[in-house]
């Protein structure tokens, strides 16, 4: 019988998923686990319940499972849970997430039930319940079983979550295997399987410095035991450079909680990097990397690590001594060199002593890494948005500074500081109410914070206004196209008639995500007299490539053009209400095929 026939011959509904995973791995000719794991055996489709709120689903799971998990007989309890889990008919991810939150009256009994479920369960939902319980209740003896179930593609997320508190390396390998879309981490996982430290080092150093690879930076570091490699090779310059890149990726908060906060040896690895950083050749790339590391330690999520008193400041002082004191002159066309020159001082400046709490604003990011810009708000040196929200970056300075939203007036004003990457309607946003109270500025009325609501912050009004004025006037972080965009946005705010005369309103003004040298103005068109039977809005995008002229001249020319020309005639139609677009004769441009 062929291996393919054997796979079909193995019963899937009466064999436990654990035994099925062992079987699939056992017949693999080279013993190698497929990049995305083995498929689950055929069974009924995963249920989809869209009629329940999160609270209703939690109530159903609590009523159905909680009494069973206190049964001291694990076999009887597991059989009952097996039936109930299937009857709940919920998506497996929902079932797993809510089971992990169940209040348990007898953890010892629940642990035994969970073990029986993961070893004998034949239904995915029941095994998900057992693995969700293992997140809290698992012990070292459960690691082999969890690793085996993690070989199945539909259980990898649950297995890695249960393994995280028990065996970080095993959890990381599961995550990489199932989320490495590019396949470029296969050589690393193969090297890790050999246990050969030199092979692991070589595989690490051969990884391309690309987002689609290093977005799993924390898991790469955990799977390869980067901490152990550094201890074994403390003077390895290539390994140090890779360490810096991985730490910076972990500290880069794009759309969720920064990975650096979940990397257990983060502080030790930072110290190892800084201690040996003088071994890095002083190339522009290495200098930019060290400055980015300093910025992360000064105002990024890395500040929130549990540092011993004075240690983070000591690391910053060491980096300050290491980086060139005299910033190089700007290099035409070299954004990174210009960024380094303008930001060299930023993480090392010590604020004058003042009445606490102290606040400051910084705007940072290496332009070679991302065109995204965030406003980092520090209160007593702590970055506010990562500390209170953690589901995305703070809004850019155009939204918070240029708009004047952070200015304080006697009339309270609520300000959105950050929105979740998936939109506020999905995962929320962070709000604060700002008001002037005599000689103080007060931030309170918090909404959207994760965890306990923070206290009201009171700032000396004169110091607050001075810091805000400094930040509003500091455009040193801007590159030419971004400066052009900011000046155009300011002109449209000062003269709203430039857009309204064409029944337009500016909806977004910034630089192109893919090409930072192009300023982009997006207009929203809502006709005052739409064709009968239509409504809604249309969007038009005006792209202004950098022609090497001064940003102010380019912005003035753009605003002057709006005085006499309707942007709908020269900007690119970008979509909107389909019926309105058809009625007015607009068609979306063809999409560029993805490489």
Protein backbone atom coordinates (compact mmCIF):
# COMPACT_ATOMS: atom_id res chain seq x y z
CA UNK A 1 0.00 0.00 0.00
CA UNK A 2 1.37 3.42 -0.92
CA UNK A 3 1.84 6.23 1.59
CA UNK A 4 -0.99 8.11 -0.11
CA UNK A 5 -3.31 5.08 0.21
CA UNK A 6 -2.28 4.63 3.83
CA UNK A 7 -3.22 8.22 4.55
CA UNK A 8 -6.68 7.57 3.16
CA UNK A 9 -7.01 4.25 4.92
CA UNK A 10 -6.42 5.62 8.41
CA UNK A 11 -9.83 6.31 9.99
CA UNK A 12 -10.18 9.97 10.87
CA UNK A 13 -13.40 10.10 12.90
CA UNK A 14 -12.61 7.31 15.39
CA UNK A 15 -8.88 7.98 15.70
CA UNK A 16 -7.80 10.73 18.06
CA UNK A 17 -6.27 13.79 16.44
CA UNK A 18 -3.14 13.15 18.50
CA UNK A 19 -2.75 9.65 17.04
CA UNK A 20 -3.57 10.96 13.59
CA UNK A 21 -0.76 13.53 13.87
CA UNK A 22 1.70 10.85 15.00
CA UNK A 23 0.63 8.67 12.07
CA UNK A 24 1.07 11.42 9.49
CA UNK A 25 4.50 12.26 10.80
CA UNK A 26 5.48 8.61 11.03
CA UNK A 27 4.85 7.93 7.33
CA UNK A 28 6.66 11.05 6.17
CA UNK A 29 9.63 9.72 4.18
CA UNK A 30 12.17 12.24 5.45
CA UNK A 31 10.48 13.00 8.78
CA UNK A 32 10.12 16.63 7.74
CA UNK A 33 6.98 18.48 8.77
CA UNK A 34 5.39 20.45 5.90
CA UNK A 35 5.77 24.20 6.13
CA UNK A 36 2.11 24.74 7.07
CA UNK A 37 1.62 21.43 8.81
CA UNK A 38 -0.48 18.41 7.98
CA UNK A 39 -4.10 18.96 7.01
CA UNK A 40 -6.76 17.99 9.51
CA UNK A 41 -8.69 14.82 8.69
CA UNK A 42 -11.89 15.34 6.79
CA UNK A 43 -14.82 16.15 8.97
CA UNK A 44 -17.84 18.45 9.15
CA UNK A 45 -17.13 22.07 8.21
CA UNK A 46 -16.19 24.48 10.96
CA UNK A 47 -19.36 26.12 12.31
CA UNK A 48 -19.93 29.81 11.89
CA UNK A 49 -22.20 31.57 14.39
CA UNK A 50 -22.74 35.22 13.54
CA UNK A 51 -25.91 35.58 15.60
CA UNK A 52 -24.09 35.76 18.96
CA UNK A 53 -22.37 38.66 20.62
CA UNK A 54 -19.12 38.03 22.45
CA UNK A 55 -20.95 38.21 25.79
CA UNK A 56 -23.64 35.75 24.65
CA UNK A 57 -21.01 33.30 23.41
CA UNK A 58 -19.16 33.57 26.74
CA UNK A 59 -22.37 32.83 28.61
CA UNK A 60 -23.11 29.75 26.47
CA UNK A 61 -19.62 28.34 26.95
CA UNK A 62 -19.66 29.02 30.69
CA UNK A 63 -23.02 27.30 31.14
CA UNK A 64 -22.04 24.33 28.98
CA UNK A 65 -18.49 23.64 30.14
CA UNK A 66 -17.86 25.04 33.63
CA UNK A 67 -19.81 22.37 35.56
CA UNK A 68 -18.04 19.61 33.64
CA UNK A 69 -14.53 20.89 34.28
CA UNK A 70 -14.96 20.44 38.03
CA UNK A 71 -15.69 16.70 37.68
CA UNK A 72 -12.85 14.78 39.40
CA UNK A 73 -13.26 11.91 36.91
CA UNK A 74 -11.30 13.15 33.86
CA UNK A 75 -12.57 10.42 31.51
CA UNK A 76 -16.23 11.12 32.29
CA UNK A 77 -15.67 14.87 32.15
CA UNK A 78 -13.78 14.70 28.86
CA UNK A 79 -16.51 12.63 27.22
CA UNK A 80 -19.14 15.13 28.35
CA UNK A 81 -17.06 18.11 27.18
CA UNK A 82 -16.53 16.34 23.85
CA UNK A 83 -20.28 16.21 23.27
CA UNK A 84 -20.97 19.72 24.54
CA UNK A 85 -18.19 21.35 22.51
CA UNK A 86 -19.62 20.03 19.26
CA UNK A 87 -23.14 21.12 20.26
CA UNK A 88 -21.99 24.69 20.88
CA UNK A 89 -21.40 25.05 17.12
CA UNK A 90 -19.00 27.99 17.41
CA UNK A 91 -15.96 28.86 15.32
CA UNK A 92 -12.94 27.12 16.83
CA UNK A 93 -11.08 30.36 17.43
CA UNK A 94 -14.01 31.79 19.40
CA UNK A 95 -14.42 28.59 21.38
CA UNK A 96 -10.72 28.52 22.22
CA UNK A 97 -10.51 32.20 23.19
CA UNK A 98 -13.51 32.07 25.50
CA UNK A 99 -12.58 28.74 27.07
CA UNK A 100 -9.21 30.22 28.03
CA UNK A 101 -11.10 32.84 30.07
CA UNK A 102 -13.35 30.44 31.99
CA UNK A 103 -13.38 30.72 35.77
CA UNK A 104 -12.28 27.35 37.16
CA UNK A 105 -13.38 26.09 40.57
CA UNK A 106 -11.06 23.06 40.53
CA UNK A 107 -7.91 23.60 38.47
CA UNK A 108 -6.51 20.14 39.22
CA UNK A 109 -9.64 18.44 37.87
CA UNK A 110 -9.74 20.75 34.84
CA UNK A 111 -6.08 19.95 34.08
CA UNK A 112 -6.78 16.21 34.04
CA UNK A 113 -9.80 16.74 31.80
CA UNK A 114 -7.76 18.91 29.45
CA UNK A 115 -5.05 16.26 29.20
CA UNK A 116 -7.61 13.61 28.36
CA UNK A 117 -9.16 15.83 25.69
CA UNK A 118 -5.90 16.63 23.92
CA UNK A 119 -4.74 12.99 23.96
CA UNK A 120 -8.00 11.25 23.03
CA UNK A 121 -10.19 13.90 21.36
CA UNK A 122 -11.41 13.08 17.86
CA UNK A 123 -13.24 16.35 17.29
CA UNK A 124 -11.39 19.61 16.60
CA UNK A 125 -13.70 21.65 18.84
CA UNK A 126 -13.13 19.35 21.82
CA UNK A 127 -9.36 19.33 21.33
CA UNK A 128 -9.44 23.15 21.09
CA UNK A 129 -11.14 23.27 24.48
CA UNK A 130 -8.42 21.07 25.98
CA UNK A 131 -5.63 23.14 24.44
CA UNK A 132 -7.23 26.39 25.59
CA UNK A 133 -7.22 25.07 29.15
CA UNK A 134 -3.57 24.07 28.71
CA UNK A 135 -2.66 27.75 28.20
CA UNK A 136 -3.23 28.19 31.95
CA UNK A 137 -2.87 24.68 33.28
CA UNK A 138 -0.22 23.00 31.13
CA UNK A 139 2.96 21.57 32.67
CA UNK A 140 6.26 20.32 31.31
CA UNK A 141 4.91 16.81 30.79
CA UNK A 142 2.34 18.21 28.31
CA UNK A 143 4.92 19.64 25.92
CA UNK A 144 5.40 16.51 23.71
CA UNK A 145 1.65 16.12 23.18
CA UNK A 146 1.19 19.80 22.35
CA UNK A 147 4.11 19.74 19.91
CA UNK A 148 2.58 16.73 18.18
CA UNK A 149 -0.86 18.34 17.82
CA UNK A 150 0.85 21.51 16.59
CA UNK A 151 1.90 19.58 13.47
CA UNK A 152 -1.74 19.83 12.30
CA UNK A 153 -2.47 23.03 10.44
CA UNK A 154 -5.79 23.69 12.16
CA UNK A 155 -4.33 23.38 15.66
CA UNK A 156 -1.03 25.23 15.33
CA UNK A 157 -2.27 28.51 16.85
CA UNK A 158 -3.81 26.74 19.85
CA UNK A 159 -0.71 24.60 20.36
CA UNK A 160 1.69 27.55 20.19
CA UNK A 161 -0.41 29.51 22.70
CA UNK A 162 -0.34 26.54 25.10
CA UNK A 163 3.39 26.00 24.55
CA UNK A 164 4.37 29.66 25.09
CA UNK A 165 4.52 29.45 28.92
CA UNK A 166 6.17 26.01 28.79
CA UNK A 167 8.62 25.92 25.87
CA UNK A 168 9.13 29.20 24.00
CA UNK A 169 11.38 27.63 21.37
CA UNK A 170 8.83 24.95 20.48
CA UNK A 171 6.06 27.56 20.33
CA UNK A 172 8.16 29.79 18.10
CA UNK A 173 8.95 26.96 15.68
CA UNK A 174 5.22 26.25 15.33
CA UNK A 175 4.43 29.89 14.64
CA UNK A 176 7.18 30.19 12.04
CA UNK A 177 6.18 26.98 10.30
CA UNK A 178 2.57 28.04 9.94
CA UNK A 179 2.97 31.79 9.31
CA UNK A 180 6.07 31.99 7.13
CA UNK A 181 4.23 32.98 3.97
CA UNK A 182 7.41 33.55 1.98
CA UNK A 183 8.99 30.18 2.80
CA UNK A 184 12.29 31.96 3.40
CA UNK A 185 12.55 30.76 6.99
CA UNK A 186 12.58 27.08 6.03
CA UNK A 187 16.38 26.95 6.02
CA UNK A 188 16.37 28.35 9.56
CA UNK A 189 13.85 25.82 10.89
CA UNK A 190 15.80 23.03 9.20
CA UNK A 191 19.01 24.22 10.87
CA UNK A 192 17.28 24.45 14.27
CA UNK A 193 16.11 20.85 13.86
CA UNK A 194 19.75 19.75 13.62
CA UNK A 195 20.72 21.48 16.89
CA UNK A 196 23.98 22.62 15.26
CA UNK A 197 24.69 26.13 16.60
CA UNK A 198 26.96 27.04 13.70
CA UNK A 199 24.32 25.96 11.19
CA UNK A 200 21.72 28.02 13.07
CA UNK A 201 24.02 31.07 13.04
CA UNK A 202 24.64 30.71 9.30
CA UNK A 203 20.93 30.35 8.59
CA UNK A 204 20.17 33.43 10.70
CA UNK A 205 22.76 35.56 8.95
CA UNK A 206 21.49 34.50 5.54
CA UNK A 207 17.96 35.79 6.23
CA UNK A 208 17.02 38.68 3.92
CA UNK A 209 16.34 41.98 5.65
CA UNK A 210 12.75 42.12 4.42
CA UNK A 211 9.45 42.84 6.14
CA UNK A 212 7.89 39.61 4.89
CA UNK A 213 10.66 37.67 6.65
CA UNK A 214 11.57 39.67 9.74
CA UNK A 215 8.00 40.51 10.75
CA UNK A 216 8.36 37.32 12.83
CA UNK A 217 11.41 38.78 14.55
CA UNK A 218 10.52 37.70 18.09
CA UNK A 219 9.71 34.17 17.00
CA UNK A 220 12.94 33.98 14.98
CA UNK A 221 14.93 35.05 18.05
CA UNK A 222 13.13 32.55 20.28
CA UNK A 223 13.33 29.64 17.86
CA UNK A 224 17.04 30.17 17.17
CA UNK A 225 17.86 30.93 20.84
CA UNK A 226 19.44 34.24 19.88
CA UNK A 227 20.20 34.93 23.53
CA UNK A 228 22.22 31.73 23.79
CA UNK A 229 24.06 32.46 20.55
CA UNK A 230 25.08 35.88 21.85
CA UNK A 231 26.35 34.42 25.10
CA UNK A 232 28.39 31.89 23.13
CA UNK A 233 29.66 34.45 20.57
CA UNK A 234 29.65 37.85 22.31
CA UNK A 235 32.12 39.45 19.86
CA UNK A 236 30.49 38.26 16.64
CA UNK A 237 29.91 41.52 14.74
CA UNK A 238 27.59 39.97 12.15
CA UNK A 239 25.48 38.40 14.87
CA UNK A 240 25.38 41.70 16.75
CA UNK A 241 24.11 43.54 13.67
CA UNK A 242 21.38 40.93 13.17
CA UNK A 243 20.49 41.22 16.86
CA UNK A 244 20.03 44.95 16.48
CA UNK A 245 17.77 44.48 13.47
CA UNK A 246 15.63 41.87 15.24
CA UNK A 247 15.29 43.98 18.40
CA UNK A 248 14.27 46.98 16.34
CA UNK A 249 11.66 44.92 14.49
CA UNK A 250 10.28 43.70 17.81
CA UNK A 251 10.06 47.27 19.12
CA UNK A 252 8.40 48.54 15.97
CA UNK A 253 4.74 48.95 16.88
CA UNK A 254 2.78 48.73 13.69
CA UNK A 255 -0.62 47.22 14.31
CA UNK A 256 -0.59 45.40 17.63
CA UNK A 257 1.22 45.06 20.93
CA UNK A 258 4.94 45.42 20.32
CA UNK A 259 6.69 42.05 20.30
CA UNK A 260 9.56 43.41 22.40
CA UNK A 261 7.25 43.36 25.42
CA UNK A 262 6.78 39.59 25.07
CA UNK A 263 10.42 38.73 24.36
CA UNK A 264 11.55 37.40 27.73
CA UNK A 265 15.33 38.03 27.44
CA UNK A 266 14.84 41.48 25.87
CA UNK A 267 16.71 43.48 28.53
CA UNK A 268 19.65 41.07 28.59
CA UNK A 269 19.89 41.05 24.81
CA UNK A 270 19.77 44.88 24.66
CA UNK A 271 22.61 45.02 27.17
CA UNK A 272 24.65 42.46 25.22
CA UNK A 273 24.17 44.46 22.02
CA UNK A 274 25.16 47.81 23.53
CA UNK A 275 28.08 46.31 25.45
CA UNK A 276 29.68 45.02 22.25
CA UNK A 277 28.31 47.64 19.81
CA UNK A 278 31.77 49.16 19.30
CA UNK A 279 32.64 46.03 17.33
CA UNK A 280 30.21 47.05 14.58
CA UNK A 281 32.01 48.81 11.72
CA UNK A 282 30.80 52.47 11.65
CA UNK A 283 28.95 52.12 8.35
CA UNK A 284 25.88 54.29 7.64
CA UNK A 285 23.63 51.25 8.07
CA UNK A 286 25.13 50.35 11.47
CA UNK A 287 25.01 53.94 12.71
CA UNK A 288 21.36 54.20 11.67
CA UNK A 289 20.65 50.90 13.43
CA UNK A 290 22.25 52.09 16.68
CA UNK A 291 20.38 55.39 16.53
CA UNK A 292 17.11 53.51 15.95
CA UNK A 293 17.94 51.34 18.96
CA UNK A 294 18.53 54.46 21.05
CA UNK A 295 15.21 55.92 19.91
CA UNK A 296 13.46 52.68 20.86
CA UNK A 297 15.05 52.83 24.32
CA UNK A 298 14.17 56.50 24.69
CA UNK A 299 10.57 56.73 23.51
CA UNK A 300 9.40 53.37 22.14
CA UNK A 301 7.70 50.37 23.72
CA UNK A 302 11.10 49.13 24.96
CA UNK A 303 10.82 51.78 27.69
CA UNK A 304 8.08 49.65 29.25
CA UNK A 305 10.37 46.69 29.93
CA UNK A 306 11.04 46.07 33.60
CA UNK A 307 14.39 47.86 33.71
CA UNK A 308 16.48 48.01 36.85
CA UNK A 309 16.86 51.62 38.08
CA UNK A 310 19.31 53.52 35.91
CA UNK A 311 20.03 50.70 33.44
CA UNK A 312 18.13 52.09 30.46
CA UNK A 313 19.74 55.51 30.97
CA UNK A 314 23.14 53.80 31.13
CA UNK A 315 22.51 52.09 27.79
CA UNK A 316 21.51 55.40 26.22
CA UNK A 317 24.63 57.08 27.59
CA UNK A 318 26.76 54.29 26.11
CA UNK A 319 25.13 54.68 22.71
CA UNK A 320 25.57 58.46 22.92
CA UNK A 321 29.32 58.01 23.42
CA UNK A 322 29.49 55.51 20.58
CA UNK A 323 27.69 57.50 17.87
CA UNK A 324 29.61 60.29 16.12
CA UNK A 325 29.25 63.51 18.09
CA UNK A 326 29.39 65.69 14.99
CA UNK A 327 26.53 64.85 12.70
CA UNK A 328 27.55 64.55 9.04
CA UNK A 329 26.44 67.13 6.54
CA UNK A 330 23.24 66.33 4.61
CA UNK A 331 23.75 64.18 1.53
CA UNK A 332 21.49 65.09 -1.43
CA UNK A 333 19.10 62.23 -2.13
CA UNK A 334 20.20 60.22 0.92
CA UNK A 335 17.20 60.26 3.24
CA UNK A 336 18.82 58.02 5.83
CA UNK A 337 21.94 60.22 6.20
CA UNK A 338 19.73 63.29 6.47
CA UNK A 339 17.50 61.57 9.02
CA UNK A 340 20.55 60.60 11.08
CA UNK A 341 21.85 64.15 11.04
CA UNK A 342 18.52 65.60 12.17
CA UNK A 343 17.75 63.02 14.87
CA UNK A 344 21.20 62.29 16.30
CA UNK A 345 20.53 64.33 19.45
CA UNK A 346 16.95 63.27 20.08
CA UNK A 347 17.21 60.22 22.37
CA UNK A 348 20.04 61.68 24.43
CA UNK A 349 18.75 65.15 25.29
CA UNK A 350 18.01 65.57 28.98
CA UNK A 351 15.04 67.77 29.75
CA UNK A 352 15.42 70.52 32.30
CA UNK A 353 14.14 69.65 35.74
CA UNK A 354 10.55 70.76 36.22
CA UNK A 355 7.42 70.07 38.15
CA UNK A 356 6.22 66.52 37.48
CA UNK A 357 4.59 65.17 35.47
CA UNK A 358 6.83 66.18 32.56
CA UNK A 359 5.73 65.67 28.99
CA UNK A 360 7.38 65.85 25.61
CA UNK A 361 6.67 65.00 22.00
CA UNK A 362 8.99 63.25 19.58
CA UNK A 363 8.60 62.21 15.96
CA UNK A 364 10.90 59.47 14.75
CA UNK A 365 11.44 56.67 12.21
CA UNK A 366 14.25 55.68 9.90
CA UNK A 367 12.90 56.62 6.45
CA UNK A 368 14.55 53.59 4.88
CA UNK A 369 12.30 51.34 6.96
CA UNK A 370 8.90 52.95 6.71
CA UNK A 371 7.12 56.03 5.43
CA UNK A 372 4.88 55.87 8.50
CA UNK A 373 5.41 58.63 11.04
CA UNK A 374 4.07 58.66 14.58
CA UNK A 375 3.87 61.28 17.30
CA UNK A 376 5.35 59.81 20.45
CA UNK A 377 3.90 61.37 23.57
CA UNK A 378 6.04 60.91 26.67
CA UNK A 379 4.80 61.61 30.18
CA UNK A 380 7.54 61.37 32.79
CA UNK A 381 9.56 59.54 30.15
CA UNK A 382 6.92 56.84 29.58
CA UNK A 383 5.46 56.45 26.05
CA UNK A 384 1.76 57.00 26.50
CA UNK A 385 0.19 55.08 23.59
CA UNK A 386 2.08 51.77 24.05
CA UNK A 387 1.46 51.94 27.80
CA UNK A 388 -2.28 52.57 27.57
CA UNK A 389 -3.42 51.11 24.25
CA UNK A 390 -0.93 48.95 22.35
CA UNK A 391 -3.08 48.17 19.30
CA UNK A 392 -1.44 50.61 16.94
CA UNK A 393 0.76 53.68 16.69
CA UNK A 394 -0.14 57.18 17.75
CA UNK A 395 -1.46 59.41 15.02
CA UNK A 396 1.08 61.33 12.90
CA UNK A 397 1.98 64.95 13.68
CA UNK A 398 -0.27 66.23 10.90
CA UNK A 399 -3.26 64.91 12.87
CA UNK A 400 -2.18 65.86 16.39
CA UNK A 401 0.14 68.86 15.98
CA UNK A 402 -0.67 70.66 12.73
CA UNK A 403 -4.37 70.42 13.49
CA UNK A 404 -3.95 72.08 16.90
CA UNK A 405 -5.86 69.24 18.57
CA UNK A 406 -3.45 69.04 21.51
CA UNK A 407 -3.84 72.72 22.38
CA UNK A 408 -5.63 73.30 25.65
CA UNK A 409 -8.57 75.65 26.10
CA UNK A 410 -10.97 76.21 29.00
CA UNK A 411 -13.61 74.28 27.04
CA UNK A 412 -12.82 70.53 27.32
CA UNK A 413 -12.07 68.81 24.02
CA UNK A 414 -11.85 65.05 23.42
CA UNK A 415 -8.94 64.00 21.23
CA UNK A 416 -8.29 60.66 19.58
CA UNK A 417 -4.61 59.85 20.11
CA UNK A 418 -4.57 56.48 18.39
CA UNK A 419 -6.86 54.17 16.45
CA UNK A 420 -6.51 50.40 16.15
CA UNK A 421 -5.00 49.38 12.84
CA UNK A 422 -8.21 47.50 11.98
CA UNK A 423 -10.36 50.61 12.63
CA UNK A 424 -12.03 51.84 15.78
CA UNK A 425 -15.20 49.88 15.06
CA UNK A 426 -13.25 46.64 15.33
CA UNK A 427 -10.69 47.01 18.12
CA UNK A 428 -11.18 50.51 19.47
CA UNK A 429 -9.25 53.73 19.81
CA UNK A 430 -7.58 55.74 22.57
CA UNK A 431 -9.17 59.05 23.59
CA UNK A 432 -8.32 61.69 26.15
CA UNK A 433 -10.09 64.92 27.12
CA UNK A 434 -7.83 67.99 27.26
CA UNK A 435 -8.77 71.16 29.15
CA UNK A 436 -7.14 74.19 30.71
CA UNK A 437 -7.78 74.61 34.42
CA UNK A 438 -6.24 77.87 35.68
CA UNK A 439 -2.46 77.56 35.46
CA UNK A 440 -2.65 73.85 34.68
CA UNK A 441 -3.51 71.71 31.65
CA UNK A 442 -5.44 68.54 32.53
CA UNK A 443 -5.62 65.27 30.61
CA UNK A 444 -8.42 63.04 31.88
CA UNK A 445 -11.65 61.41 30.72
CA UNK A 446 -9.75 58.51 29.19
CA UNK A 447 -11.60 56.18 26.81
CA UNK A 448 -10.39 52.99 25.17
CA UNK A 449 -7.48 52.22 27.48
CA UNK A 450 -6.42 48.63 28.06
CA UNK A 451 -6.30 47.77 31.71
CA UNK A 452 -7.09 50.16 34.57
CA UNK A 453 -8.10 53.70 33.67
CA UNK A 454 -5.10 55.99 34.20
CA UNK A 455 -5.29 58.95 36.57
CA UNK A 456 -5.76 62.52 35.46
CA UNK A 457 -2.46 64.11 34.43
CA UNK A 458 -1.90 67.74 35.39
CA UNK A 459 0.79 69.79 33.66
CA UNK A 460 2.09 73.27 34.32
CA UNK A 461 0.29 75.24 31.61
CA UNK A 462 3.32 77.38 30.66
CA UNK A 463 5.55 74.30 30.30
CA UNK A 464 2.82 72.48 28.36
CA UNK A 465 2.36 75.35 25.93
CA UNK A 466 6.11 75.71 25.45
CA UNK A 467 6.61 72.03 24.64
CA UNK A 468 3.65 72.03 22.27
CA UNK A 469 4.90 75.15 20.50
CA UNK A 470 8.35 73.60 20.14
CA UNK A 471 6.91 70.42 18.65
CA UNK A 472 4.57 72.30 16.29
CA UNK A 473 7.44 74.39 14.96
CA UNK A 474 9.93 71.52 14.71
CA UNK A 475 9.79 70.24 11.14
CA UNK A 476 13.28 68.76 11.22
CA UNK A 477 11.88 65.23 10.92
CA UNK A 478 10.26 66.06 7.56
CA UNK A 479 11.71 65.09 4.21
CA UNK A 480 10.92 67.34 1.19
CA UNK A 481 7.80 65.57 -0.10
CA UNK A 482 6.36 65.34 3.40
CA UNK A 483 7.03 69.05 3.92
CA UNK A 484 5.24 69.77 0.66
CA UNK A 485 2.25 67.73 1.79
CA UNK A 486 2.12 69.49 5.18
CA UNK A 487 2.23 72.92 3.52
CA UNK A 488 -0.53 71.96 1.10
CA UNK A 489 -2.64 70.68 4.00
CA UNK A 490 -2.05 73.92 5.90
CA UNK A 491 -3.06 75.94 2.84
CA UNK A 492 -6.27 73.96 2.46
CA UNK A 493 -7.10 74.51 6.14
CA UNK A 494 -6.49 78.24 5.82
CA UNK A 495 -8.43 78.50 2.55
CA UNK A 496 -11.19 75.87 2.51
CA UNK A 497 -12.70 77.61 -0.53
CA UNK A 498 -9.91 76.21 -2.72
CA UNK A 499 -11.52 72.77 -2.47
CA UNK A 500 -15.14 73.66 -1.73
CA UNK A 501 -15.47 75.66 -4.96
CA UNK A 502 -15.18 72.31 -6.76
CA UNK A 503 -17.51 70.58 -4.26
CA UNK A 504 -14.49 68.81 -2.81
CA UNK A 505 -13.03 68.39 0.66
CA UNK A 506 -9.52 67.12 1.46
CA UNK A 507 -9.76 63.68 3.07
CA UNK A 508 -6.07 62.81 3.33
CA UNK A 509 -2.82 64.67 2.63
CA UNK A 510 0.55 62.97 3.14
CA UNK A 511 3.19 61.04 1.19
CA UNK A 512 2.78 57.85 -0.80
CA UNK A 513 3.25 54.67 1.26
CA UNK A 514 5.38 53.05 -1.43
CA UNK A 515 7.29 56.09 -2.66
CA UNK A 516 8.15 58.66 -0.01
CA UNK A 517 9.17 61.22 -2.63
CA UNK A 518 5.59 61.69 -3.83
CA UNK A 519 3.18 63.99 -2.01
CA UNK A 520 -0.43 62.80 -2.15
CA UNK A 521 -3.64 64.80 -1.80
CA UNK A 522 -6.89 62.84 -1.69
CA UNK A 523 -10.16 64.69 -2.22
CA UNK A 524 -13.69 63.59 -1.37
CA UNK A 525 -16.34 64.63 -3.88
CA UNK A 526 -19.92 64.85 -2.67
CA UNK A 527 -22.00 66.63 -5.33
CA UNK A 528 -24.64 69.02 -4.08
CA UNK A 529 -27.03 67.87 -6.80
CA UNK A 530 -26.25 64.21 -7.53
CA UNK A 531 -27.95 62.49 -10.47
CA UNK A 532 -31.40 61.14 -9.57
CA UNK A 533 -31.26 57.86 -7.69
CA UNK A 534 -27.63 58.24 -6.63
CA UNK A 535 -25.80 59.49 -3.56
CA UNK A 536 -22.65 58.94 -1.60
CA UNK A 537 -19.18 60.20 -2.42
CA UNK A 538 -16.29 59.70 -4.82
CA UNK A 539 -12.56 60.00 -4.18
CA UNK A 540 -9.82 61.52 -6.32
CA UNK A 541 -6.08 61.22 -5.70
CA UNK A 542 -3.59 63.86 -6.80
CA UNK A 543 0.03 62.71 -6.75
CA UNK A 544 2.82 65.30 -6.87
CA UNK A 545 6.26 63.78 -7.56
CA UNK A 546 9.25 65.55 -6.02
CA UNK A 547 10.85 67.77 -8.68
CA UNK A 548 13.71 68.88 -6.40
CA UNK A 549 12.17 72.31 -5.97
CA UNK A 550 11.78 73.84 -2.49
CA UNK A 551 8.72 72.39 -0.72
CA UNK A 552 7.25 75.83 -0.13
CA UNK A 553 7.40 76.69 -3.85
CA UNK A 554 5.85 73.37 -4.79
CA UNK A 555 3.03 73.80 -2.27
CA UNK A 556 2.32 77.35 -3.46
CA UNK A 557 2.14 76.13 -7.07
CA UNK A 558 -0.25 73.33 -6.11
CA UNK A 559 -2.55 75.69 -4.22
CA UNK A 560 -2.52 78.18 -7.08
CA UNK A 561 -3.56 75.45 -9.49
CA UNK A 562 -6.59 74.73 -7.34
CA UNK A 563 -7.73 78.32 -7.80
CA UNK A 564 -8.40 77.78 -11.50
CA UNK A 565 -8.53 74.03 -12.18
CA UNK A 566 -10.96 71.41 -10.92
CA UNK A 567 -8.92 68.47 -9.50
CA UNK A 568 -11.54 66.07 -10.85
CA UNK A 569 -10.10 66.90 -14.28
CA UNK A 570 -6.50 65.94 -13.51
CA UNK A 571 -6.47 63.81 -10.34
CA UNK A 572 -7.01 60.04 -10.57
CA UNK A 573 -10.44 58.69 -9.74
CA UNK A 574 -10.02 56.29 -6.84
CA UNK A 575 -13.46 54.81 -6.20
CA UNK A 576 -16.44 55.51 -4.01
CA UNK A 577 -20.17 55.00 -4.50
CA UNK A 578 -20.50 52.78 -7.57
CA UNK A 579 -23.89 54.09 -8.74
CA UNK A 580 -22.71 57.69 -8.52
CA UNK A 581 -19.50 56.85 -10.38
CA UNK A 582 -21.38 55.12 -13.21
CA UNK A 583 -23.86 57.99 -13.51
CA UNK A 584 -21.02 60.52 -13.81
CA UNK A 585 -18.93 58.38 -16.15
CA UNK A 586 -16.02 57.59 -13.84
CA UNK A 587 -14.21 54.26 -13.90
CA UNK A 588 -11.61 53.00 -11.49
CA UNK A 589 -8.15 52.53 -13.02
CA UNK A 590 -7.15 48.89 -13.58
CA UNK A 591 -5.38 47.34 -10.63
CA UNK A 592 -1.67 46.63 -11.01
CA UNK A 593 -1.06 42.87 -10.74
CA UNK A 594 0.82 41.91 -7.59
CA UNK A 595 4.27 40.46 -8.14
